[in-house]
PDB file of N, CA and C in Angstrom:
ATOM      1  N   MET A   1     205.767 190.651  63.750  1.00  0.00           N
ATOM      2  CA  MET A   1     205.711 190.222  65.146  1.00  0.00           C
ATOM      3  C   MET A   1     205.462 188.676  65.151  1.00  0.00           C
ATOM      4  N   ALA A   2     206.024 188.042  66.095  1.00  0.00           N
ATOM      5  CA  ALA A   2     205.938 186.541  66.289  1.00  0.00           C
ATOM      6  C   ALA A   2     204.564 186.372  67.068  1.00  0.00           C
ATOM      7  N   ASP A   3     203.904 185.160  66.762  1.00  0.00           N
ATOM      8  CA  ASP A   3     202.833 184.894  67.459  1.00  0.00           C
ATOM      9  C   ASP A   3     203.167 184.400  68.868  1.00  0.00           C
ATOM     10  N   ALA A   4     202.389 184.684  69.925  1.00  0.00           N
ATOM     11  CA  ALA A   4     202.673 184.248  71.257  1.00  0.00           C
ATOM     12  C   ALA A   4     202.468 182.787  71.362  1.00  0.00           C
ATOM     13  N   ALA A   5     203.391 182.122  72.068  1.00  0.00           N
ATOM     14  CA  ALA A   5     203.304 180.653  72.212  1.00  0.00           C
ATOM     15  C   ALA A   5     202.296 180.424  73.380  1.00  0.00           C
ATOM     16  N   GLU A   6     201.513 179.271  73.199  1.00  0.00           N
ATOM     17  CA  GLU A   6     200.675 178.932  74.139  1.00  0.00           C
ATOM     18  C   GLU A   6     201.292 178.325  75.363  1.00  0.00           C
ATOM     19  N   PRO A   7     200.784 178.506  76.643  1.00  0.00           N
ATOM     20  CA  PRO A   7     201.458 178.087  77.844  1.00  0.00           C
ATOM     21  C   PRO A   7     201.549 176.609  77.811  1.00  0.00           C
ATOM     22  N   SER A   8     202.722 176.167  78.276  1.00  0.00           N
ATOM     23  CA  SER A   8     202.935 174.628  78.225  1.00  0.00           C
ATOM     24  C   SER A   8     202.568 173.953  79.522  1.00  0.00           C
ATOM     25  N   GLY A   9     202.133 174.750  80.580  1.00  0.00           N
ATOM     26  CA  GLY A   9     201.748 174.108  81.834  1.00  0.00           C
ATOM     27  C   GLY A   9     200.346 173.360  81.754  1.00  0.00           C
ATOM     28  N   PRO A  10     200.062 172.605  82.858  1.00  0.00           N
ATOM     29  CA  PRO A  10     198.851 171.824  82.806  1.00  0.00           C
ATOM     30  C   PRO A  10     197.643 172.767  82.818  1.00  0.00           C
ATOM     31  N   SER A  11     196.681 172.519  81.964  1.00  0.00           N
ATOM     32  CA  SER A  11     195.521 173.382  81.927  1.00  0.00           C
ATOM     33  C   SER A  11     194.304 172.748  82.573  1.00  0.00           C
ATOM     34  N   GLY A  12     194.356 171.564  83.021  1.00  0.00           N
ATOM     35  CA  GLY A  12     193.253 170.892  83.674  1.00  0.00           C
ATOM     36  C   GLY A  12     192.533 169.955  82.575  1.00  0.00           C
ATOM     37  N   GLU A  13     192.753 170.150  81.360  1.00  0.00           N
ATOM     38  CA  GLU A  13     192.194 169.384  80.307  1.00  0.00           C
ATOM     39  C   GLU A  13     193.251 169.091  79.302  1.00  0.00           C
ATOM     40  N   ASP A  14     193.191 167.960  78.606  1.00  0.00           N
ATOM     41  CA  ASP A  14     194.059 167.639  77.506  1.00  0.00           C
ATOM     42  C   ASP A  14     193.379 167.929  76.187  1.00  0.00           C
ATOM     43  N   ASP A  15     194.018 167.678  75.158  1.00  0.00           N
ATOM     44  CA  ASP A  15     193.509 168.047  73.825  1.00  0.00           C
ATOM     45  C   ASP A  15     192.177 167.337  73.488  1.00  0.00           C
ATOM     46  N   ALA A  16     191.941 166.172  73.981  1.00  0.00           N
ATOM     47  CA  ALA A  16     190.755 165.472  73.665  1.00  0.00           C
ATOM     48  C   ALA A  16     189.517 165.873  74.502  1.00  0.00           C
ATOM     49  N   GLY A  17     189.621 166.891  75.375  1.00  0.00           N
ATOM     50  CA  GLY A  17     188.533 167.423  76.141  1.00  0.00           C
ATOM     51  C   GLY A  17     188.307 166.615  77.369  1.00  0.00           C
ATOM     52  N   GLU A  18     189.301 165.836  77.748  1.00  0.00           N
ATOM     53  CA  GLU A  18     189.063 165.032  78.955  1.00  0.00           C
ATOM     54  C   GLU A  18     189.769 165.734  80.213  1.00  0.00           C
ATOM     55  N   ALA A  19     189.170 165.447  81.263  1.00  0.00           N
ATOM     56  CA  ALA A  19     189.782 165.870  82.561  1.00  0.00           C
ATOM     57  C   ALA A  19     190.996 165.054  82.838  1.00  0.00           C
ATOM     58  N   PRO A  20     191.927 165.479  83.717  1.00  0.00           N
ATOM     59  CA  PRO A  20     193.182 164.737  83.919  1.00  0.00           C
ATOM     60  C   PRO A  20     192.884 163.303  84.384  1.00  0.00           C
ATOM     61  N   GLY A  21     191.853 162.975  85.126  1.00  0.00           N
ATOM     62  CA  GLY A  21     191.634 161.745  85.586  1.00  0.00           C
ATOM     63  C   GLY A  21     191.109 160.679  84.514  1.00  0.00           C
ATOM     64  N   GLY A  22     190.946 161.172  83.276  1.00  0.00           N
ATOM     65  CA  GLY A  22     190.490 160.296  82.261  1.00  0.00           C
ATOM     66  C   GLY A  22     188.999 160.393  81.987  1.00  0.00           C
ATOM     67  N   THR A  23     188.181 161.058  82.801  1.00  0.00           N
ATOM     68  CA  THR A  23     186.764 161.216  82.619  1.00  0.00           C
ATOM     69  C   THR A  23     186.514 162.376  81.790  1.00  0.00           C
ATOM     70  N   SER A  24     185.381 162.351  80.980  1.00  0.00           N
ATOM     71  CA  SER A  24     185.108 163.461  80.129  1.00  0.00           C
ATOM     72  C   SER A  24     184.411 164.637  80.987  1.00  0.00           C
ATOM     73  N   SER A  25     184.951 165.795  80.717  1.00  0.00           N
ATOM     74  CA  SER A  25     184.372 166.892  81.433  1.00  0.00           C
ATOM     75  C   SER A  25     182.957 167.279  80.996  1.00  0.00           C
ATOM     76  N   LEU A  26     182.498 166.659  79.815  1.00  0.00           N
ATOM     77  CA  LEU A  26     181.128 166.951  79.236  1.00  0.00           C
ATOM     78  C   LEU A  26     180.381 165.640  79.406  1.00  0.00           C
ATOM     79  N   ALA A  27     180.376 165.036  80.654  1.00  0.00           N
ATOM     80  CA  ALA A  27     179.873 163.699  80.745  1.00  0.00           C
ATOM     81  C   ALA A  27     178.353 163.812  80.902  1.00  0.00           C
ATOM     82  N   GLY A  28     177.740 164.869  80.949  1.00  0.00           N
ATOM     83  CA  GLY A  28     176.285 164.981  80.996  1.00  0.00           C
ATOM     84  C   GLY A  28     175.852 165.833  82.207  1.00  0.00           C
ATOM     85  N   PRO A  29     174.633 165.866  82.597  1.00  0.00           N
ATOM     86  CA  PRO A  29     174.116 166.668  83.679  1.00  0.00           C
ATOM     87  C   PRO A  29     174.773 166.224  84.972  1.00  0.00           C
ATOM     88  N   SER A  30     174.980 167.169  85.841  1.00  0.00           N
ATOM     89  CA  SER A  30     175.580 166.883  87.139  1.00  0.00           C
ATOM     90  C   SER A  30     174.485 166.283  88.028  1.00  0.00           C
ATOM     91  N   LEU A  31     174.924 165.606  88.995  1.00  0.00           N
ATOM     92  CA  LEU A  31     173.977 165.012  89.933  1.00  0.00           C
ATOM     93  C   LEU A  31     173.465 166.070  90.996  1.00  0.00           C
ATOM     94  N   PRO A  32     172.099 165.938  91.418  1.00  0.00           N
ATOM     95  CA  PRO A  32     171.655 166.971  92.281  1.00  0.00           C
ATOM     96  C   PRO A  32     172.421 166.757  93.748  1.00  0.00           C
ATOM     97  N   ASP A  33     172.625 167.959  94.276  1.00  0.00           N
ATOM     98  CA  ASP A  33     173.335 168.060  95.507  1.00  0.00           C
ATOM     99  C   ASP A  33     172.482 167.933  96.686  1.00  0.00           C
ATOM    100  N   PRO A  34     172.504 166.986  97.480  1.00  0.00           N
ATOM    101  CA  PRO A  34     171.488 166.872  98.743  1.00  0.00           C
ATOM    102  C   PRO A  34     171.809 167.746  99.774  1.00  0.00           C
ATOM    103  N   SER A  35     172.851 168.660  99.697  1.00  0.00           N
ATOM    104  CA  SER A  35     173.230 169.522 100.787  1.00  0.00           C
ATOM    105  C   SER A  35     172.137 170.568 100.999  1.00  0.00           C
ATOM    106  N   LEU A  36     171.418 170.872  99.991  1.00  0.00           N
ATOM    107  CA  LEU A  36     170.309 171.846 100.162  1.00  0.00           C
ATOM    108  C   LEU A  36     169.323 171.312 101.174  1.00  0.00           C
ATOM    109  N   GLY A  37     168.929 170.078 101.153  1.00  0.00           N
ATOM    110  CA  GLY A  37     168.037 169.445 102.028  1.00  0.00           C
ATOM    111  C   GLY A  37     168.591 169.397 103.556  1.00  0.00           C
ATOM    112  N   VAL A  38     169.865 169.183 103.591  1.00  0.00           N
ATOM    113  CA  VAL A  38     170.535 169.090 104.924  1.00  0.00           C
ATOM    114  C   VAL A  38     170.526 170.509 105.576  1.00  0.00           C
ATOM    115  N   GLY A  39     170.771 171.460 104.713  1.00  0.00           N
ATOM    116  CA  GLY A  39     170.748 172.869 105.152  1.00  0.00           C
ATOM    117  C   GLY A  39     169.467 173.269 105.615  1.00  0.00           C
ATOM    118  N   LEU A  40     168.332 172.918 104.921  1.00  0.00           N
ATOM    119  CA  LEU A  40     166.999 173.238 105.345  1.00  0.00           C
ATOM    120  C   LEU A  40     166.704 172.488 106.648  1.00  0.00           C
ATOM    121  N   PHE A  41     167.100 171.270 106.725  1.00  0.00           N
ATOM    122  CA  PHE A  41     166.832 170.486 107.964  1.00  0.00           C
ATOM    123  C   PHE A  41     167.484 171.201 109.175  1.00  0.00           C
ATOM    124  N   VAL A  42     168.807 171.638 108.986  1.00  0.00           N
ATOM    125  CA  VAL A  42     169.517 172.245 110.184  1.00  0.00           C
ATOM    126  C   VAL A  42     168.865 173.656 110.557  1.00  0.00           C
ATOM    127  N   VAL A  43     168.468 174.342 109.530  1.00  0.00           N
ATOM    128  CA  VAL A  43     167.717 175.693 109.841  1.00  0.00           C
ATOM    129  C   VAL A  43     166.436 175.386 110.517  1.00  0.00           C
ATOM    130  N   GLY A  44     165.672 174.368 110.052  1.00  0.00           N
ATOM    131  CA  GLY A  44     164.495 174.130 110.751  1.00  0.00           C
ATOM    132  C   GLY A  44     164.694 173.603 112.100  1.00  0.00           C
ATOM    133  N   LEU A  45     165.665 172.859 112.428  1.00  0.00           N
ATOM    134  CA  LEU A  45     165.975 172.475 113.681  1.00  0.00           C
ATOM    135  C   LEU A  45     166.357 173.575 114.618  1.00  0.00           C
ATOM    136  N   LEU A  46     167.036 174.534 114.126  1.00  0.00           N
ATOM    137  CA  LEU A  46     167.430 175.654 114.975  1.00  0.00           C
ATOM    138  C   LEU A  46     166.191 176.585 115.178  1.00  0.00           C
ATOM    139  N   VAL A  47     165.390 176.753 114.228  1.00  0.00           N
ATOM    140  CA  VAL A  47     164.140 177.535 114.409  1.00  0.00           C
ATOM    141  C   VAL A  47     163.186 176.842 115.406  1.00  0.00           C
ATOM    142  N   MET A  48     163.126 175.526 115.266  1.00  0.00           N
ATOM    143  CA  MET A  48     162.301 174.790 116.356  1.00  0.00           C
ATOM    144  C   MET A  48     162.834 174.966 117.694  1.00  0.00           C
ATOM    145  N   ALA A  49     164.116 174.971 117.868  1.00  0.00           N
ATOM    146  CA  ALA A  49     164.816 175.070 119.132  1.00  0.00           C
ATOM    147  C   ALA A  49     164.502 176.454 119.680  1.00  0.00           C
ATOM    148  N   SER A  50     164.716 177.502 118.905  1.00  0.00           N
ATOM    149  CA  SER A  50     164.501 178.878 119.342  1.00  0.00           C
ATOM    150  C   SER A  50     162.910 179.075 119.685  1.00  0.00           C
ATOM    151  N   GLY A  51     162.052 178.514 118.897  1.00  0.00           N
ATOM    152  CA  GLY A  51     160.667 178.684 119.204  1.00  0.00           C
ATOM    153  C   GLY A  51     160.210 177.830 120.395  1.00  0.00           C
ATOM    154  N   GLY A  52     160.722 176.760 120.564  1.00  0.00           N
ATOM    155  CA  GLY A  52     160.419 175.933 121.790  1.00  0.00           C
ATOM    156  C   GLY A  52     160.936 176.549 123.044  1.00  0.00           C
ATOM    157  N   ALA A  53     162.110 177.089 123.040  1.00  0.00           N
ATOM    158  CA  ALA A  53     162.854 177.777 124.196  1.00  0.00           C
ATOM    159  C   ALA A  53     162.099 178.984 124.641  1.00  0.00           C
ATOM    160  N   THR A  54     161.368 179.613 123.686  1.00  0.00           N
ATOM    161  CA  THR A  54     160.782 180.883 124.018  1.00  0.00           C
ATOM    162  C   THR A  54     159.231 180.748 123.985  1.00  0.00           C
ATOM    163  N   THR A  55     158.810 179.491 124.002  1.00  0.00           N
ATOM    164  CA  THR A  55     157.346 179.010 124.066  1.00  0.00           C
ATOM    165  C   THR A  55     156.488 179.776 123.042  1.00  0.00           C
ATOM    166  N   GLN A  56     157.131 180.094 121.794  1.00  0.00           N
ATOM    167  CA  GLN A  56     156.408 180.609 120.645  1.00  0.00           C
ATOM    168  C   GLN A  56     155.947 179.426 119.717  1.00  0.00           C
ATOM    169  N   HIS A  57     154.721 179.053 119.848  1.00  0.00           N
ATOM    170  CA  HIS A  57     154.314 177.784 119.113  1.00  0.00           C
ATOM    171  C   HIS A  57     154.235 178.016 117.707  1.00  0.00           C
ATOM    172  N   TYR A  58     153.992 179.169 117.136  1.00  0.00           N
ATOM    173  CA  TYR A  58     153.970 179.369 115.639  1.00  0.00           C
ATOM    174  C   TYR A  58     155.384 179.300 115.132  1.00  0.00           C
ATOM    175  N   VAL A  59     156.329 179.880 115.830  1.00  0.00           N
ATOM    176  CA  VAL A  59     157.712 179.708 115.375  1.00  0.00           C
ATOM    177  C   VAL A  59     158.148 178.321 115.357  1.00  0.00           C
ATOM    178  N   PHE A  60     157.770 177.525 116.469  1.00  0.00           N
ATOM    179  CA  PHE A  60     158.156 176.158 116.508  1.00  0.00           C
ATOM    180  C   PHE A  60     157.505 175.390 115.295  1.00  0.00           C
ATOM    181  N   ASN A  61     156.217 175.711 114.946  1.00  0.00           N
ATOM    182  CA  ASN A  61     155.632 175.091 113.830  1.00  0.00           C
ATOM    183  C   ASN A  61     156.253 175.412 112.514  1.00  0.00           C
ATOM    184  N   VAL A  62     156.699 176.601 112.299  1.00  0.00           N
ATOM    185  CA  VAL A  62     157.428 176.964 111.038  1.00  0.00           C
ATOM    186  C   VAL A  62     158.762 176.185 110.966  1.00  0.00           C
ATOM    187  N   GLY A  63     159.434 176.057 112.114  1.00  0.00           N
ATOM    188  CA  GLY A  63     160.687 175.303 112.146  1.00  0.00           C
ATOM    189  C   GLY A  63     160.394 173.792 111.928  1.00  0.00           C
ATOM    190  N   GLU A  64     159.384 173.267 112.346  1.00  0.00           N
ATOM    191  CA  GLU A  64     158.994 171.895 112.071  1.00  0.00           C
ATOM    192  C   GLU A  64     158.711 171.728 110.596  1.00  0.00           C
ATOM    193  N   ALA A  65     158.061 172.714 109.910  1.00  0.00           N
ATOM    194  CA  ALA A  65     157.727 172.612 108.505  1.00  0.00           C
ATOM    195  C   ALA A  65     159.042 172.635 107.760  1.00  0.00           C
ATOM    196  N   LEU A  66     159.969 173.565 108.083  1.00  0.00           N
ATOM    197  CA  LEU A  66     161.278 173.659 107.434  1.00  0.00           C
ATOM    198  C   LEU A  66     162.068 172.282 107.611  1.00  0.00           C
ATOM    199  N   LEU A  67     162.022 171.793 108.808  1.00  0.00           N
ATOM    200  CA  LEU A  67     162.706 170.508 109.034  1.00  0.00           C
ATOM    201  C   LEU A  67     162.156 169.385 108.162  1.00  0.00           C
ATOM    202  N   LEU A  68     160.982 169.265 108.094  1.00  0.00           N
ATOM    203  CA  LEU A  68     160.286 168.208 107.233  1.00  0.00           C
ATOM    204  C   LEU A  68     160.575 168.446 105.743  1.00  0.00           C
ATOM    205  N   LEU A  69     160.485 169.699 105.310  1.00  0.00           N
ATOM    206  CA  LEU A  69     160.774 170.036 103.925  1.00  0.00           C
ATOM    207  C   LEU A  69     162.248 169.680 103.631  1.00  0.00           C
ATOM    208  N   GLY A  70     163.241 170.034 104.543  1.00  0.00           N
ATOM    209  CA  GLY A  70     164.526 169.668 104.176  1.00  0.00           C
ATOM    210  C   GLY A  70     164.790 168.205 104.196  1.00  0.00           C
ATOM    211  N   ALA A  71     164.191 167.395 105.030  1.00  0.00           N
ATOM    212  CA  ALA A  71     164.241 165.961 104.918  1.00  0.00           C
ATOM    213  C   ALA A  71     163.689 165.380 103.614  1.00  0.00           C
ATOM    214  N   VAL A  72     162.557 165.933 103.159  1.00  0.00           N
ATOM    215  CA  VAL A  72     161.972 165.451 101.920  1.00  0.00           C
ATOM    216  C   VAL A  72     162.930 165.821 100.677  1.00  0.00           C
ATOM    217  N   VAL A  73     163.411 167.056 100.679  1.00  0.00           N
ATOM    218  CA  VAL A  73     164.341 167.534  99.597  1.00  0.00           C
ATOM    219  C   VAL A  73     165.592 166.668  99.598  1.00  0.00           C
ATOM    220  N   PHE A  74     166.146 166.349 100.773  1.00  0.00           N
ATOM    221  CA  PHE A  74     167.281 165.447 100.854  1.00  0.00           C
ATOM    222  C   PHE A  74     166.936 164.090 100.253  1.00  0.00           C
ATOM    223  N   LEU A  75     166.013 163.468 100.608  1.00  0.00           N
ATOM    224  CA  LEU A  75     165.554 162.145 100.208  1.00  0.00           C
ATOM    225  C   LEU A  75     165.330 162.077  98.684  1.00  0.00           C
ATOM    226  N   VAL A  76     164.600 163.051  98.176  1.00  0.00           N
ATOM    227  CA  VAL A  76     164.289 163.137  96.738  1.00  0.00           C
ATOM    228  C   VAL A  76     165.573 163.264  96.017  1.00  0.00           C
ATOM    229  N   ARG A  77     166.472 164.193  96.363  1.00  0.00           N
ATOM    230  CA  ARG A  77     167.760 164.413  95.661  1.00  0.00           C
ATOM    231  C   ARG A  77     168.613 163.224  95.698  1.00  0.00           C
ATOM    232  N   VAL A  78     168.688 162.513  96.818  1.00  0.00           N
ATOM    233  CA  VAL A  78     169.442 161.359  96.862  1.00  0.00           C
ATOM    234  C   VAL A  78     168.825 160.208  95.955  1.00  0.00           C
ATOM    235  N   ALA A  79     167.562 160.115  95.920  1.00  0.00           N
ATOM    236  CA  ALA A  79     166.875 159.179  95.066  1.00  0.00           C
ATOM    237  C   ALA A  79     167.137 159.454  93.552  1.00  0.00           C
ATOM    238  N   ILE A  80     167.097 160.744  93.261  1.00  0.00           N
ATOM    239  CA  ILE A  80     167.315 161.120  91.807  1.00  0.00           C
ATOM    240  C   ILE A  80     168.852 160.838  91.486  1.00  0.00           C
ATOM    241  N   ALA A  81     169.825 161.155  92.354  1.00  0.00           N
ATOM    242  CA  ALA A  81     171.104 160.801  92.127  1.00  0.00           C
ATOM    243  C   ALA A  81     171.298 159.336  91.919  1.00  0.00           C
ATOM    244  N   ARG A  82     170.730 158.526  92.773  1.00  0.00           N
ATOM    245  CA  ARG A  82     170.889 157.132  92.701  1.00  0.00           C
ATOM    246  C   ARG A  82     170.337 156.539  91.343  1.00  0.00           C
ATOM    247  N   HIS A  83     169.133 157.101  90.909  1.00  0.00           N
ATOM    248  CA  HIS A  83     168.529 156.638  89.684  1.00  0.00           C
ATOM    249  C   HIS A  83     169.390 156.987  88.491  1.00  0.00           C
ATOM    250  N   ARG A  84     170.069 158.160  88.500  1.00  0.00           N
ATOM    251  CA  ARG A  84     170.820 158.639  87.422  1.00  0.00           C
ATOM    252  C   ARG A  84     172.116 157.741  87.259  1.00  0.00           C
ATOM    253  N   GLN A  85     172.622 157.310  88.454  1.00  0.00           N
ATOM    254  CA  GLN A  85     173.874 156.505  88.404  1.00  0.00           C
ATOM    255  C   GLN A  85     173.555 155.064  87.898  1.00  0.00           C
ATOM    256  N   ASP A  86     172.393 154.479  88.415  1.00  0.00           N
ATOM    257  CA  ASP A  86     172.053 153.149  88.063  1.00  0.00           C
ATOM    258  C   ASP A  86     170.489 153.064  87.803  1.00  0.00           C
ATOM    259  N   PRO A  87     170.004 153.228  86.699  1.00  0.00           N
ATOM    260  CA  PRO A  87     168.585 153.292  86.538  1.00  0.00           C
ATOM    261  C   PRO A  87     167.938 151.932  86.856  1.00  0.00           C
ATOM    262  N   TRP A  88     166.692 152.027  87.383  1.00  0.00           N
ATOM    263  CA  TRP A  88     165.953 150.874  87.850  1.00  0.00           C
ATOM    264  C   TRP A  88     165.502 150.070  86.754  1.00  0.00           C
ATOM    265  N   ASP A  89     165.480 148.810  86.858  1.00  0.00           N
ATOM    266  CA  ASP A  89     164.789 147.765  85.840  1.00  0.00           C
ATOM    267  C   ASP A  89     163.515 147.347  86.409  1.00  0.00           C
ATOM    268  N   TRP A  90     162.440 148.139  86.084  1.00  0.00           N
ATOM    269  CA  TRP A  90     161.148 147.801  86.585  1.00  0.00           C
ATOM    270  C   TRP A  90     160.562 146.443  86.215  1.00  0.00           C
ATOM    271  N   LYS A  91     160.916 145.946  85.040  1.00  0.00           N
ATOM    272  CA  LYS A  91     160.378 144.711  84.571  1.00  0.00           C
ATOM    273  C   LYS A  91     160.973 143.504  85.441  1.00  0.00           C
ATOM    274  N   ARG A  92     162.230 143.607  85.568  1.00  0.00           N
ATOM    275  CA  ARG A  92     162.979 142.577  86.443  1.00  0.00           C
ATOM    276  C   ARG A  92     162.422 142.602  87.981  1.00  0.00           C
ATOM    277  N   ALA A  93     162.374 143.816  88.445  1.00  0.00           N
ATOM    278  CA  ALA A  93     161.801 144.015  89.846  1.00  0.00           C
ATOM    279  C   ALA A  93     160.411 143.421  90.024  1.00  0.00           C
ATOM    280  N   ALA A  94     159.507 143.651  89.005  1.00  0.00           N
ATOM    281  CA  ALA A  94     158.117 143.221  89.052  1.00  0.00           C
ATOM    282  C   ALA A  94     158.139 141.713  88.996  1.00  0.00           C
ATOM    283  N   GLN A  95     158.992 141.018  88.112  1.00  0.00           N
ATOM    284  CA  GLN A  95     159.106 139.672  88.033  1.00  0.00           C
ATOM    285  C   GLN A  95     159.570 139.009  89.295  1.00  0.00           C
ATOM    286  N   LYS A  96     160.462 139.655  89.923  1.00  0.00           N
ATOM    287  CA  LYS A  96     160.945 139.173  91.198  1.00  0.00           C
ATOM    288  C   LYS A  96     159.979 139.202  92.280  1.00  0.00           C
ATOM    289  N   LEU A  97     159.181 140.334  92.222  1.00  0.00           N
ATOM    290  CA  LEU A  97     158.100 140.577  93.199  1.00  0.00           C
ATOM    291  C   LEU A  97     157.004 139.479  93.131  1.00  0.00           C
ATOM    292  N   ILE A  98     156.579 139.177  91.891  1.00  0.00           N
ATOM    293  CA  ILE A  98     155.497 138.131  91.762  1.00  0.00           C
ATOM    294  C   ILE A  98     155.961 136.739  91.718  1.00  0.00           C
ATOM    295  N   GLY A  99     157.303 136.539  91.689  1.00  0.00           N
ATOM    296  CA  GLY A  99     157.882 135.221  91.826  1.00  0.00           C
ATOM    297  C   GLY A  99     158.079 134.538  90.483  1.00  0.00           C
ATOM    298  N   ARG A 100     158.275 135.128  89.485  1.00  0.00           N
ATOM    299  CA  ARG A 100     158.515 134.449  88.111  1.00  0.00           C
ATOM    300  C   ARG A 100     160.003 134.433  87.892  1.00  0.00           C
TER     301      ARG A 100
END
């Protein structure tokens, strides 16, 4: 029996392990997605609105906590992604701050 030929269509990766755009598919860890923080923010906002509309102060407070947690998660994840793309040079920043 003859061996089956491999499909000749595009597979998304070429023989060198690179994606079609020329970037490596194994480029390292992926960047954190800040959409989790945005989702928490929106859920917190909706819980706050429902708690405020029904004058349930404890529900409103839980919504406020979710909203603040979502904002913090969003900011931290954006900062981590920024740092991974372009690491900070602390020595140069300190010299600039003190005027050297």
